[in-house]
C-alpha atoms as a PDB file:
ATOM      1  CA  MET A   1      23.393  90.032 -42.112  1.00  0.00           C
ATOM      2  CA  GLN A   2      21.987  90.345 -46.149  1.00  0.00           C
ATOM      3  CA  LEU A   3      20.918  93.383 -45.809  1.00  0.00           C
ATOM      4  CA  LYS A   4      23.866  95.873 -47.572  1.00  0.00           C
ATOM      5  CA  ASP A   5      26.098  97.911 -45.331  1.00  0.00           C
ATOM      6  CA  THR A   6      25.887 102.206 -45.370  1.00  0.00           C
ATOM      7  CA  HIS A   7      26.359 104.375 -42.864  1.00  0.00           C
ATOM      8  CA  LEU A   8      23.582 104.122 -41.162  1.00  0.00           C
ATOM      9  CA  ARG A   9      22.650  99.661 -41.223  1.00  0.00           C
ATOM     10  CA  SER A  10      24.445  99.093 -37.841  1.00  0.00           C
ATOM     11  CA  PRO A  11      23.312  96.268 -36.132  1.00  0.00           C
ATOM     12  CA  LEU A  12      22.309  98.054 -33.135  1.00  0.00           C
ATOM     13  CA  LEU A  13      20.584 100.452 -35.640  1.00  0.00           C
ATOM     14  CA  LEU A  14      19.217  97.402 -37.878  1.00  0.00           C
ATOM     15  CA  ILE A  15      17.932  95.597 -34.144  1.00  0.00           C
ATOM     16  CA  ALA A  16      16.510  99.072 -33.568  1.00  0.00           C
ATOM     17  CA  PRO A  17      12.658  98.722 -34.632  1.00  0.00           C
ATOM     18  CA  PHE A  18      11.984  95.440 -32.904  1.00  0.00           C
ATOM     19  CA  PHE A  19      13.454  96.484 -29.558  1.00  0.00           C
ATOM     20  CA  LEU A  20      11.570  99.208 -29.320  1.00  0.00           C
ATOM     21  CA  TRP A  21       8.264  96.766 -30.827  1.00  0.00           C
ATOM     22  CA  GLY A  22       9.231  95.278 -27.670  1.00  0.00           C
ATOM     23  CA  THR A  23       9.274  97.394 -24.980  1.00  0.00           C
ATOM     24  CA  ALA A  24       6.401  98.785 -26.928  1.00  0.00           C
ATOM     25  CA  MET A  25       3.962  96.550 -25.757  1.00  0.00           C
ATOM     26  CA  VAL A  26       5.676  96.653 -22.515  1.00  0.00           C
ATOM     27  CA  ALA A  27       4.161  99.573 -21.580  1.00  0.00           C
ATOM     28  CA  MET A  28       1.073  99.409 -23.440  1.00  0.00           C
ATOM     29  CA  LYS A  29      -0.020  96.533 -21.600  1.00  0.00           C
ATOM     30  CA  GLY A  30      -1.289  98.866 -18.108  1.00  0.00           C
ATOM     31  CA  VAL A  31      -3.072 100.901 -20.506  1.00  0.00           C
ATOM     32  CA  ILE A  32      -5.090  98.777 -22.434  1.00  0.00           C
ATOM     33  CA  PRO A  33      -7.752  98.063 -19.952  1.00  0.00           C
ATOM     34  CA  HIS A  34      -7.954 101.680 -19.262  1.00  0.00           C
ATOM     35  CA  THR A  35      -9.024 103.011 -22.920  1.00  0.00           C
ATOM     36  CA  THR A  36     -10.339 101.511 -26.481  1.00  0.00           C
ATOM     37  CA  PRO A  37      -8.668  99.803 -29.186  1.00  0.00           C
ATOM     38  CA  LEU A  38      -8.949 102.212 -32.188  1.00  0.00           C
ATOM     39  CA  PHE A  39      -8.263 105.604 -29.791  1.00  0.00           C
ATOM     40  CA  MET A  40      -5.039 103.632 -28.626  1.00  0.00           C
ATOM     41  CA  ALA A  41      -3.906 102.070 -32.480  1.00  0.00           C
ATOM     42  CA  GLY A  42      -5.229 106.157 -33.762  1.00  0.00           C
ATOM     43  CA  VAL A  43      -2.650 108.115 -31.151  1.00  0.00           C
ATOM     44  CA  ARG A  44       0.503 105.400 -31.856  1.00  0.00           C
ATOM     45  CA  LEU A  45       0.327 107.100 -35.552  1.00  0.00           C
ATOM     46  CA  VAL A  46      -0.711 110.392 -36.007  1.00  0.00           C
ATOM     47  CA  PRO A  47       1.795 111.955 -33.619  1.00  0.00           C
ATOM     48  CA  ALA A  48       3.823 109.681 -34.733  1.00  0.00           C
ATOM     49  CA  GLY A  49       3.741 110.771 -38.444  1.00  0.00           C
ATOM     50  CA  MET A  50       3.532 113.940 -37.872  1.00  0.00           C
ATOM     51  CA  LEU A  51       7.077 113.276 -35.969  1.00  0.00           C
ATOM     52  CA  VAL A  52       9.046 111.953 -38.963  1.00  0.00           C
ATOM     53  CA  LEU A  53       7.487 114.412 -41.243  1.00  0.00           C
ATOM     54  CA  ALA A  54       8.931 117.417 -38.933  1.00  0.00           C
ATOM     55  CA  TRP A  55      12.207 115.372 -38.318  1.00  0.00           C
ATOM     56  CA  ALA A  56      12.191 114.714 -42.696  1.00  0.00           C
ATOM     57  CA  ALA A  57      11.351 118.619 -43.055  1.00  0.00           C
ATOM     58  CA  ILE A  58      14.682 119.575 -40.809  1.00  0.00           C
ATOM     59  CA  ALA A  59      16.748 116.577 -42.427  1.00  0.00           C
ATOM     60  CA  GLY A  60      15.180 118.482 -45.827  1.00  0.00           C
ATOM     61  CA  ARG A  61      14.144 115.659 -47.576  1.00  0.00           C
ATOM     62  CA  PRO A  62      11.525 115.577 -50.521  1.00  0.00           C
ATOM     63  CA  GLN A  63       7.943 115.460 -49.944  1.00  0.00           C
ATOM     64  CA  PRO A  64       5.572 113.457 -52.604  1.00  0.00           C
ATOM     65  CA  LYS A  65       5.264 115.497 -56.003  1.00  0.00           C
ATOM     66  CA  SER A  66       3.731 113.354 -58.462  1.00  0.00           C
ATOM     67  CA  TRP A  67      -0.098 111.080 -58.317  1.00  0.00           C
ATOM     68  CA  GLN A  68       1.647 108.272 -58.514  1.00  0.00           C
ATOM     69  CA  ALA A  69       2.833 108.641 -55.506  1.00  0.00           C
ATOM     70  CA  TRP A  70       0.409 110.063 -53.411  1.00  0.00           C
ATOM     71  CA  LEU A  71      -1.591 106.851 -54.721  1.00  0.00           C
ATOM     72  CA  TRP A  72       1.310 104.524 -53.633  1.00  0.00           C
ATOM     73  CA  ILE A  73       1.221 106.638 -50.001  1.00  0.00           C
ATOM     74  CA  ALA A  74      -2.813 105.645 -50.009  1.00  0.00           C
ATOM     75  CA  LEU A  75      -2.191 102.731 -50.531  1.00  0.00           C
ATOM     76  CA  PHE A  76       0.063 102.115 -48.482  1.00  0.00           C
ATOM     77  CA  ALA A  77      -1.396 103.819 -45.634  1.00  0.00           C
ATOM     78  CA  LEU A  78      -4.770 101.872 -46.288  1.00  0.00           C
ATOM     79  CA  VAL A  79      -2.906  98.363 -45.427  1.00  0.00           C
ATOM     80  CA  ASP A  80      -0.355  99.367 -43.397  1.00  0.00           C
ATOM     81  CA  GLY A  81      -1.688 101.976 -41.529  1.00  0.00           C
ATOM     82  CA  ALA A  82      -5.443 101.684 -41.020  1.00  0.00           C
ATOM     83  CA  MET A  83      -5.831  97.963 -40.914  1.00  0.00           C
ATOM     84  CA  PHE A  84      -2.817  96.259 -39.437  1.00  0.00           C
ATOM     85  CA  GLN A  85      -2.840  98.885 -36.563  1.00  0.00           C
ATOM     86  CA  GLY A  86      -6.867  98.571 -36.781  1.00  0.00           C
ATOM     87  CA  PHE A  87      -7.439  94.760 -36.279  1.00  0.00           C
ATOM     88  CA  LEU A  88      -3.629  94.642 -34.206  1.00  0.00           C
ATOM     89  CA  ALA A  89      -5.974  96.659 -31.694  1.00  0.00           C
ATOM     90  CA  GLU A  90      -8.920  95.321 -31.947  1.00  0.00           C
ATOM     91  CA  GLY A  91      -7.317  91.619 -31.927  1.00  0.00           C
ATOM     92  CA  LEU A  92      -5.739  91.872 -28.762  1.00  0.00           C
ATOM     93  CA  VAL A  93      -8.542  93.324 -27.199  1.00  0.00           C
ATOM     94  CA  ARG A  94     -10.161  90.661 -27.311  1.00  0.00           C
ATOM     95  CA  THR A  95      -6.950  86.950 -27.450  1.00  0.00           C
ATOM     96  CA  GLY A  96      -4.317  86.605 -25.364  1.00  0.00           C
ATOM     97  CA  ALA A  97      -1.042  88.547 -25.388  1.00  0.00           C
ATOM     98  CA  GLY A  98       1.220  85.128 -25.778  1.00  0.00           C
ATOM     99  CA  LEU A  99      -1.107  83.546 -28.846  1.00  0.00           C
ATOM    100  CA  GLY A 100      -1.931  87.153 -30.624  1.00  0.00           C
ATOM    101  CA  SER A 101       2.329  88.089 -30.696  1.00  0.00           C
ATOM    102  CA  VAL A 102       2.773  84.632 -32.298  1.00  0.00           C
ATOM    103  CA  MET A 103       0.071  85.748 -35.227  1.00  0.00           C
ATOM    104  CA  ILE A 104       1.265  88.367 -35.375  1.00  0.00           C
ATOM    105  CA  ASP A 105       5.546  87.648 -36.021  1.00  0.00           C
ATOM    106  CA  SER A 106       4.318  84.974 -37.653  1.00  0.00           C
ATOM    107  CA  GLN A 107       4.244  87.588 -40.779  1.00  0.00           C
ATOM    108  CA  PRO A 108       7.717  87.299 -41.647  1.00  0.00           C
ATOM    109  CA  LEU A 109       6.950  84.079 -42.994  1.00  0.00           C
ATOM    110  CA  ALA A 110       4.518  86.062 -45.606  1.00  0.00           C
ATOM    111  CA  VAL A 111       6.938  88.714 -46.798  1.00  0.00           C
ATOM    112  CA  ALA A 112       9.587  85.318 -48.042  1.00  0.00           C
ATOM    113  CA  LEU A 113       6.069  84.404 -50.105  1.00  0.00           C
ATOM    114  CA  LEU A 114       6.059  88.060 -51.213  1.00  0.00           C
ATOM    115  CA  SER A 115       9.650  88.975 -51.847  1.00  0.00           C
ATOM    116  CA  LEU A 116      10.318  85.921 -53.591  1.00  0.00           C
ATOM    117  CA  TRP A 117       7.506  86.476 -55.922  1.00  0.00           C
ATOM    118  CA  LEU A 118       7.671  89.888 -56.806  1.00  0.00           C
ATOM    119  CA  PHE A 119      11.344  90.540 -56.718  1.00  0.00           C
ATOM    120  CA  GLY A 120      12.847  87.039 -55.978  1.00  0.00           C
ATOM    121  CA  ASP A 121      14.536  87.267 -52.911  1.00  0.00           C
ATOM    122  CA  ARG A 122      16.225  84.289 -52.753  1.00  0.00           C
ATOM    123  CA  ILE A 123      15.208  82.036 -49.991  1.00  0.00           C
ATOM    124  CA  GLY A 124      16.472  78.575 -50.434  1.00  0.00           C
ATOM    125  CA  LEU A 125      17.579  75.779 -47.735  1.00  0.00           C
ATOM    126  CA  TRP A 126      18.794  77.266 -45.381  1.00  0.00           C
ATOM    127  CA  GLY A 127      16.518  80.860 -45.482  1.00  0.00           C
ATOM    128  CA  TRP A 128      13.019  78.059 -45.457  1.00  0.00           C
ATOM    129  CA  LEU A 129      15.141  75.713 -41.942  1.00  0.00           C
ATOM    130  CA  GLY A 130      15.369  79.466 -40.430  1.00  0.00           C
ATOM    131  CA  LEU A 131      12.445  80.820 -41.079  1.00  0.00           C
ATOM    132  CA  ALA A 132      10.110  77.116 -40.241  1.00  0.00           C
ATOM    133  CA  ILE A 133      12.946  76.752 -36.982  1.00  0.00           C
ATOM    134  CA  GLY A 134      11.939  81.026 -36.035  1.00  0.00           C
ATOM    135  CA  VAL A 135       8.207  79.609 -36.299  1.00  0.00           C
ATOM    136  CA  THR A 136       8.680  77.698 -33.660  1.00  0.00           C
ATOM    137  CA  GLY A 137      10.433  79.267 -31.508  1.00  0.00           C
ATOM    138  CA  ILE A 138       7.704  81.877 -31.700  1.00  0.00           C
ATOM    139  CA  SER A 139       5.357  79.380 -30.679  1.00  0.00           C
ATOM    140  CA  LEU A 140       7.231  77.930 -27.588  1.00  0.00           C
ATOM    141  CA  ILE A 141       7.600  82.069 -26.647  1.00  0.00           C
ATOM    142  CA  GLY A 142       4.035  82.313 -26.830  1.00  0.00           C
ATOM    143  CA  LEU A 143       1.174  79.623 -26.451  1.00  0.00           C
ATOM    144  CA  PRO A 144       0.509  77.943 -23.286  1.00  0.00           C
ATOM    145  CA  ASP A 145       3.017  74.946 -22.052  1.00  0.00           C
ATOM    146  CA  ALA A 146       0.170  73.187 -20.914  1.00  0.00           C
ATOM    147  CA  TRP A 147      -0.665  72.513 -25.017  1.00  0.00           C
ATOM    148  CA  ILE A 148       2.783  72.343 -26.237  1.00  0.00           C
ATOM    149  CA  LEU A 149       2.984  69.421 -23.289  1.00  0.00           C
ATOM    150  CA  ASN A 150      -0.230  68.257 -25.151  1.00  0.00           C
ATOM    151  CA  LEU A 151       1.361  67.684 -28.524  1.00  0.00           C
ATOM    152  CA  LEU A 152       4.022  66.174 -27.546  1.00  0.00           C
ATOM    153  CA  ASN A 153       2.211  63.773 -24.962  1.00  0.00           C
ATOM    154  CA  GLN A 154      -0.208  63.694 -28.529  1.00  0.00           C
ATOM    155  CA  ASP A 155      -3.135  63.989 -26.404  1.00  0.00           C
ATOM    156  CA  ALA A 156      -5.316  64.202 -29.118  1.00  0.00           C
ATOM    157  CA  ILE A 157      -8.033  65.174 -27.013  1.00  0.00           C
ATOM    158  CA  ALA A 158      -7.031  67.960 -25.850  1.00  0.00           C
ATOM    159  CA  ILE A 159      -4.980  69.401 -28.512  1.00  0.00           C
ATOM    160  CA  VAL A 160      -8.568  69.122 -30.812  1.00  0.00           C
ATOM    161  CA  GLY A 161     -10.443  70.873 -27.581  1.00  0.00           C
ATOM    162  CA  SER A 162      -7.837  73.306 -27.277  1.00  0.00           C
ATOM    163  CA  TRP A 163      -7.536  74.081 -30.705  1.00  0.00           C
ATOM    164  CA  GLN A 164     -11.162  74.467 -31.584  1.00  0.00           C
ATOM    165  CA  GLN A 165     -11.010  77.717 -29.021  1.00  0.00           C
ATOM    166  CA  LEU A 166      -8.451  78.816 -31.686  1.00  0.00           C
ATOM    167  CA  PHE A 167     -11.047  81.139 -34.146  1.00  0.00           C
ATOM    168  CA  THR A 168     -13.311  81.964 -31.362  1.00  0.00           C
ATOM    169  CA  ASN A 169     -12.549  84.992 -29.973  1.00  0.00           C
ATOM    170  CA  GLY A 170      -9.663  87.757 -31.990  1.00  0.00           C
ATOM    171  CA  GLU A 171      -7.070  85.705 -33.268  1.00  0.00           C
ATOM    172  CA  TRP A 172      -8.525  86.290 -37.111  1.00  0.00           C
ATOM    173  CA  LEU A 173      -7.955  89.887 -36.656  1.00  0.00           C
ATOM    174  CA  MET A 174      -4.484  88.968 -35.523  1.00  0.00           C
ATOM    175  CA  LEU A 175      -3.921  86.692 -38.484  1.00  0.00           C
ATOM    176  CA  LEU A 176      -5.002  89.724 -41.325  1.00  0.00           C
ATOM    177  CA  ALA A 177      -3.059  91.996 -38.716  1.00  0.00           C
ATOM    178  CA  ALA A 178       0.354  90.080 -39.960  1.00  0.00           C
ATOM    179  CA  LEU A 179      -0.457  89.431 -43.114  1.00  0.00           C
ATOM    180  CA  SER A 180      -1.386  93.218 -43.757  1.00  0.00           C
ATOM    181  CA  MET A 181       1.756  93.964 -42.017  1.00  0.00           C
ATOM    182  CA  ALA A 182       3.409  91.705 -44.399  1.00  0.00           C
ATOM    183  CA  VAL A 183       1.842  93.179 -47.719  1.00  0.00           C
ATOM    184  CA  GLY A 184       3.154  96.346 -46.446  1.00  0.00           C
ATOM    185  CA  THR A 185       5.958  95.320 -45.424  1.00  0.00           C
ATOM    186  CA  VAL A 186       6.473  94.824 -49.546  1.00  0.00           C
ATOM    187  CA  PHE A 187       4.403  98.104 -50.851  1.00  0.00           C
ATOM    188  CA  ILE A 188       7.597 100.367 -49.647  1.00  0.00           C
ATOM    189  CA  ARG A 189       9.785  98.646 -52.279  1.00  0.00           C
ATOM    190  CA  PHE A 190       7.305 100.523 -54.565  1.00  0.00           C
ATOM    191  CA  VAL A 191       6.312 103.483 -52.493  1.00  0.00           C
ATOM    192  CA  CYS A 192       9.920 104.612 -52.749  1.00  0.00           C
ATOM    193  CA  ARG A 193      10.007 104.557 -56.375  1.00  0.00           C
ATOM    194  CA  TYR A 194       8.520 107.424 -56.147  1.00  0.00           C
ATOM    195  CA  ALA A 195       8.639 109.665 -52.403  1.00  0.00           C
ATOM    196  CA  ASP A 196      11.150 109.783 -49.966  1.00  0.00           C
ATOM    197  CA  PRO A 197      10.630 106.488 -47.640  1.00  0.00           C
ATOM    198  CA  VAL A 198      11.038 108.699 -44.603  1.00  0.00           C
ATOM    199  CA  VAL A 199       8.196 111.087 -45.934  1.00  0.00           C
ATOM    200  CA  ALA A 200       6.303 108.327 -47.124  1.00  0.00           C
ATOM    201  CA  THR A 201       6.061 106.075 -43.557  1.00  0.00           C
ATOM    202  CA  GLY A 202       5.283 109.804 -41.779  1.00  0.00           C
ATOM    203  CA  TRP A 203       2.289 110.662 -44.476  1.00  0.00           C
ATOM    204  CA  HIS A 204       1.970 106.529 -44.762  1.00  0.00           C
ATOM    205  CA  MET A 205       0.966 107.095 -40.818  1.00  0.00           C
ATOM    206  CA  ILE A 206      -1.256 110.172 -40.934  1.00  0.00           C
ATOM    207  CA  LEU A 207      -3.197 109.075 -43.830  1.00  0.00           C
ATOM    208  CA  GLY A 208      -4.005 105.964 -41.416  1.00  0.00           C
ATOM    209  CA  GLY A 209      -4.500 106.912 -37.914  1.00  0.00           C
ATOM    210  CA  LEU A 210      -7.354 110.029 -39.167  1.00  0.00           C
ATOM    211  CA  PRO A 211      -9.711 107.384 -40.345  1.00  0.00           C
ATOM    212  CA  LEU A 212      -9.490 104.907 -37.014  1.00  0.00           C
ATOM    213  CA  PHE A 213      -9.829 108.062 -35.026  1.00  0.00           C
ATOM    214  CA  VAL A 214     -13.129 108.540 -36.897  1.00  0.00           C
ATOM    215  CA  LEU A 215     -14.223 104.956 -36.127  1.00  0.00           C
ATOM    216  CA  SER A 216     -13.316 105.575 -32.540  1.00  0.00           C
ATOM    217  CA  GLY A 217     -15.521 108.782 -32.711  1.00  0.00           C
ATOM    218  CA  SER A 218     -18.401 107.062 -34.179  1.00  0.00           C
ATOM    219  CA  TRP A 219     -18.120 103.425 -32.323  1.00  0.00           C
ATOM    220  CA  GLU A 220     -16.066 104.450 -29.127  1.00  0.00           C
ATOM    221  CA  SER A 221     -16.604 105.851 -25.671  1.00  0.00           C
ATOM    222  CA  GLY A 222     -15.172 107.062 -22.698  1.00  0.00           C
ATOM    223  CA  GLN A 223     -10.950 106.880 -25.156  1.00  0.00           C
ATOM    224  CA  TRP A 224      -9.656 109.254 -21.634  1.00  0.00           C
ATOM    225  CA  ALA A 225     -11.812 109.017 -19.414  1.00  0.00           C
ATOM    226  CA  GLN A 226      -9.622 107.193 -17.384  1.00  0.00           C
ATOM    227  CA  ILE A 227      -5.540 107.444 -18.640  1.00  0.00           C
ATOM    228  CA  ASP A 228      -3.735 108.534 -15.316  1.00  0.00           C
ATOM    229  CA  LEU A 229      -0.225 109.848 -15.628  1.00  0.00           C
ATOM    230  CA  THR A 230       1.428 106.703 -15.980  1.00  0.00           C
ATOM    231  CA  GLY A 231      -0.650 105.830 -18.962  1.00  0.00           C
ATOM    232  CA  TRP A 232      -0.258 108.543 -20.546  1.00  0.00           C
ATOM    233  CA  LEU A 233       3.351 108.043 -20.181  1.00  0.00           C
ATOM    234  CA  ALA A 234       3.149 104.970 -21.541  1.00  0.00           C
ATOM    235  CA  LEU A 235       0.882 105.743 -24.802  1.00  0.00           C
ATOM    236  CA  GLY A 236       3.555 109.180 -25.263  1.00  0.00           C
ATOM    237  CA  TYR A 237       6.425 105.500 -25.150  1.00  0.00           C
ATOM    238  CA  ALA A 238       4.462 104.203 -27.858  1.00  0.00           C
ATOM    239  CA  THR A 239       3.964 106.582 -30.049  1.00  0.00           C
ATOM    240  CA  ILE A 240       7.948 107.777 -30.140  1.00  0.00           C
ATOM    241  CA  PHE A 241       9.845 105.137 -29.759  1.00  0.00           C
ATOM    242  CA  GLY A 242       7.299 102.420 -30.582  1.00  0.00           C
ATOM    243  CA  SER A 243       5.975 104.207 -33.666  1.00  0.00           C
ATOM    244  CA  ALA A 244       7.605 107.039 -34.873  1.00  0.00           C
ATOM    245  CA  ILE A 245      11.661 105.838 -34.560  1.00  0.00           C
ATOM    246  CA  ALA A 246      10.520 101.811 -34.643  1.00  0.00           C
ATOM    247  CA  TYR A 247       8.497 102.750 -38.303  1.00  0.00           C
ATOM    248  CA  GLY A 248      10.713 104.940 -39.329  1.00  0.00           C
ATOM    249  CA  LEU A 249      13.584 103.109 -38.787  1.00  0.00           C
ATOM    250  CA  PHE A 250      12.275  99.930 -40.000  1.00  0.00           C
ATOM    251  CA  PHE A 251      10.827 101.105 -43.958  1.00  0.00           C
ATOM    252  CA  TYR A 252      13.681 103.555 -43.815  1.00  0.00           C
ATOM    253  CA  PHE A 253      15.697  99.399 -44.199  1.00  0.00           C
ATOM    254  CA  ALA A 254      13.184  98.347 -46.078  1.00  0.00           C
ATOM    255  CA  ALA A 255      13.334 100.404 -48.812  1.00  0.00           C
ATOM    256  CA  SER A 256      16.335  98.655 -50.054  1.00  0.00           C
ATOM    257  CA  GLY A 257      18.329  95.287 -49.695  1.00  0.00           C
ATOM    258  CA  SER A 258      16.747  92.485 -48.085  1.00  0.00           C
ATOM    259  CA  LEU A 259      13.373  92.243 -47.031  1.00  0.00           C
ATOM    260  CA  THR A 260      13.137  88.502 -45.878  1.00  0.00           C
ATOM    261  CA  SER A 261      16.150  89.278 -44.044  1.00  0.00           C
ATOM    262  CA  LEU A 262      14.882  92.161 -42.165  1.00  0.00           C
ATOM    263  CA  SER A 263      11.769  91.122 -41.601  1.00  0.00           C
ATOM    264  CA  SER A 264      12.800  87.576 -40.027  1.00  0.00           C
ATOM    265  CA  LEU A 265      14.248  90.429 -37.446  1.00  0.00           C
ATOM    266  CA  THR A 266      10.248  91.034 -36.293  1.00  0.00           C
ATOM    267  CA  PHE A 267      11.218  86.871 -34.144  1.00  0.00           C
ATOM    268  CA  LEU A 268      12.527  89.331 -32.408  1.00  0.00           C
ATOM    269  CA  THR A 269       9.810  91.697 -31.074  1.00  0.00           C
ATOM    270  CA  PRO A 270       8.411  88.968 -28.393  1.00  0.00           C
ATOM    271  CA  VAL A 271      11.915  88.041 -27.366  1.00  0.00           C
ATOM    272  CA  PHE A 272      12.066  91.519 -26.038  1.00  0.00           C
ATOM    273  CA  ALA A 273       8.839  92.228 -24.663  1.00  0.00           C
ATOM    274  CA  LEU A 274       9.129  88.341 -22.400  1.00  0.00           C
ATOM    275  CA  LEU A 275      12.586  89.880 -21.246  1.00  0.00           C
ATOM    276  CA  PHE A 276      11.085  93.437 -20.393  1.00  0.00           C
ATOM    277  CA  GLY A 277       8.729  91.911 -19.034  1.00  0.00           C
ATOM    278  CA  ASN A 278      10.308  89.801 -16.398  1.00  0.00           C
ATOM    279  CA  LEU A 279      13.072  93.050 -16.088  1.00  0.00           C
ATOM    280  CA  PHE A 280       9.844  95.929 -15.014  1.00  0.00           C
ATOM    281  CA  LEU A 281       6.506  93.534 -14.351  1.00  0.00           C
ATOM    282  CA  GLY A 282       8.070  90.465 -13.204  1.00  0.00           C
ATOM    283  CA  GLU A 283       6.832  88.409 -15.645  1.00  0.00           C
ATOM    284  CA  PHE A 284       8.725  84.461 -15.608  1.00  0.00           C
ATOM    285  CA  LEU A 285      10.247  83.003 -18.212  1.00  0.00           C
ATOM    286  CA  SER A 286       9.534  79.139 -18.562  1.00  0.00           C
ATOM    287  CA  PRO A 287      12.055  76.523 -19.478  1.00  0.00           C
ATOM    288  CA  LEU A 288      10.166  75.858 -23.163  1.00  0.00           C
ATOM    289  CA  GLN A 289      10.182  80.102 -23.511  1.00  0.00           C
ATOM    290  CA  TRP A 290      13.506  80.118 -22.791  1.00  0.00           C
ATOM    291  CA  MET A 291      13.939  77.056 -25.071  1.00  0.00           C
ATOM    292  CA  GLY A 292      11.501  79.356 -28.165  1.00  0.00           C
ATOM    293  CA  VAL A 293      14.530  82.540 -27.118  1.00  0.00           C
ATOM    294  CA  SER A 294      17.125  80.462 -28.350  1.00  0.00           C
ATOM    295  CA  LEU A 295      15.495  79.077 -31.187  1.00  0.00           C
ATOM    296  CA  THR A 296      14.554  82.387 -32.109  1.00  0.00           C
ATOM    297  CA  LEU A 297      18.068  84.003 -31.975  1.00  0.00           C
ATOM    298  CA  VAL A 298      19.360  80.548 -34.305  1.00  0.00           C
ATOM    299  CA  SER A 299      16.246  81.154 -36.452  1.00  0.00           C
ATOM    300  CA  ILE A 300      17.673  84.672 -37.346  1.00  0.00           C
ATOM    301  CA  TYR A 301      21.330  84.091 -37.147  1.00  0.00           C
ATOM    302  CA  LEU A 302      21.054  80.871 -40.269  1.00  0.00           C
ATOM    303  CA  ILE A 303      18.262  83.737 -42.198  1.00  0.00           C
ATOM    304  CA  ASN A 304      20.816  86.302 -42.644  1.00  0.00           C
ATOM    305  CA  GLN A 305      23.607  83.726 -43.612  1.00  0.00           C
ATOM    306  CA  ARG A 306      21.482  81.783 -45.483  1.00  0.00           C
ATOM    307  CA  ASP A 307      23.565  82.724 -48.467  1.00  0.00           C
ATOM    308  CA  PHE A 308      27.658  83.066 -47.188  1.00  0.00           C
ATOM    309  CA  LEU A 309      25.989  78.691 -45.598  1.00  0.00           C
ATOM    310  CA  ALA A 310      25.379  77.984 -49.203  1.00  0.00           C
ATOM    311  CA  ASP A 311      27.912  78.916 -50.834  1.00  0.00           C
ATOM    312  CA  LEU A 312      30.113  77.536 -47.763  1.00  0.00           C
ATOM    313  CA  GLY A 313      28.001  74.292 -48.450  1.00  0.00           C
ATOM    314  CA  ASN A 314      28.598  74.835 -52.810  1.00  0.00           C
ATOM    315  CA  LYS A 315      32.794  74.598 -52.034  1.00  0.00           C
ATOM    316  CA  VAL A 316      32.466  71.473 -50.016  1.00  0.00           C
ATOM    317  CA  THR A 317      30.226  70.157 -52.621  1.00  0.00           C
ATOM    318  CA  ASP A 318      32.271  71.401 -56.183  1.00  0.00           C
ATOM    319  CA  ILE A 319      35.127  69.326 -55.766  1.00  0.00           C
ATOM    320  CA  ASN A 320      34.516  65.411 -56.872  1.00  0.00           C
ATOM    321  CA  PRO A 321      36.339  62.403 -57.122  1.00  0.00           C
ATOM    322  CA  ASP A 322      37.170  62.856 -60.849  1.00  0.00           C
ATOM    323  CA  SER A 323      37.645  66.873 -60.208  1.00  0.00           C
ATOM    324  CA  ARG A 324      40.075  65.445 -57.593  1.00  0.00           C
ATOM    325  CA  ARG A 325      41.959  62.658 -59.690  1.00  0.00           C
ATOM    326  CA  VAL A 326      42.302  65.028 -62.289  1.00  0.00           C
ATOM    327  CA  LEU A 327      44.594  67.917 -60.088  1.00  0.00           C
ATOM    328  CA  ASP A 328      45.907  64.767 -58.483  1.00  0.00           C
ATOM    329  CA  SER A 329      47.515  64.068 -61.542  1.00  0.00           C
ATOM    330  CA  SER A 330      48.432  67.240 -62.285  1.00  0.00           C
ATOM    331  CA  ALA A 331      50.516  67.525 -59.509  1.00  0.00           C
ATOM    332  CA  VAL A 332      52.172  63.850 -60.070  1.00  0.00           C
ATOM    333  CA  ASN A 333      53.233  65.758 -63.765  1.00  0.00           C
ATOM    334  CA  VAL A 334      54.917  69.042 -62.867  1.00  0.00           C
ATOM    335  CA  SER A 335      56.846  66.796 -60.207  1.00  0.00           C
ATOM    336  CA  ILE A 336      57.946  64.534 -62.396  1.00  0.00           C
ATOM    337  CA  LYS A 337      59.039  67.676 -64.666  1.00  0.00           C
ATOM    338  CA  LYS A 338      61.486  69.351 -62.041  1.00  0.00           C
ATOM    339  CA  SER A 339      62.694  65.815 -61.127  1.00  0.00           C
ATOM    340  CA  GLU A 340      63.856  65.127 -64.778  1.00  0.00           C
ATOM    341  CA  PRO A 341      67.672  67.031 -66.086  1.00  0.00           C
ATOM    342  CA  GLU A 342      67.711  69.642 -67.925  1.00  0.00           C
ATOM    343  CA  VAL A 343      69.132  69.380 -71.352  1.00  0.00           C
ATOM    344  CA  LEU A 344      71.002  71.866 -72.812  1.00  0.00           C
END
């Protein structure tokens, strides 16, 4: 993979944030109708941030000291905390889970473009191909089968009628959430120049979650009145595993290595959500969705192995006819010299 190996960069840990995000979405599915979006977003951030900071204190990680560190953490909190979670929560209420998942998990494209522009992250042919296949895969996973079949059958009237309804609800909020997450992923590179990435992650969750609680108290009511024990357990799982652990690992890995490669693993989030939805909620995957899962896995391989595939292609094309002719003539000369008798 493109990510530099350390003792913490095992494949299981690299995949863990996306597994936890996907399963957290399954856990939250039954809670959303019984609470309010901004309150739910705040619960996912503030307690999780406290847990991350508690772990960082036990591990002896340094707290931010300079004004530059707090400025970057504040920007990080605004974009990836308040804006991302706020747009995501409001968008989930107003749009279908499948379409919302496609939009939010398309953010690796934005991360790739920002990484190319800001850090010169090499993408190449195989990387762009992998990103395109990944977006196709999550589209097959999340979009209704009828839309895809209409597109394949070139039913223009049905396609136009379906897509005209896209931005009448909350789809634009999901796009803003995807963009916020992409910018936040890039921000961690600047944050970690002045602060520890794990400590910064904890503070950004607290500072980003508090405004969501304020907005929830001002605009929403009955935030927890209808949440039962199962709902609180689901919220606890989403907070501890889907936020504290998942975000802590994700931004720790994002502080170094290739952002394009790490972000490409986001394509796994809807795959895990679908698989565990099938296992625990009895949701079935259509043939098109299984095809989308397969394309998603192919895309992740292409993106993370893009340098290897590019180097392999260069090695094959490096030997041109002229160089091959020179090598062959050199071999013939060596063979003739070896066959001639030595003159003493």
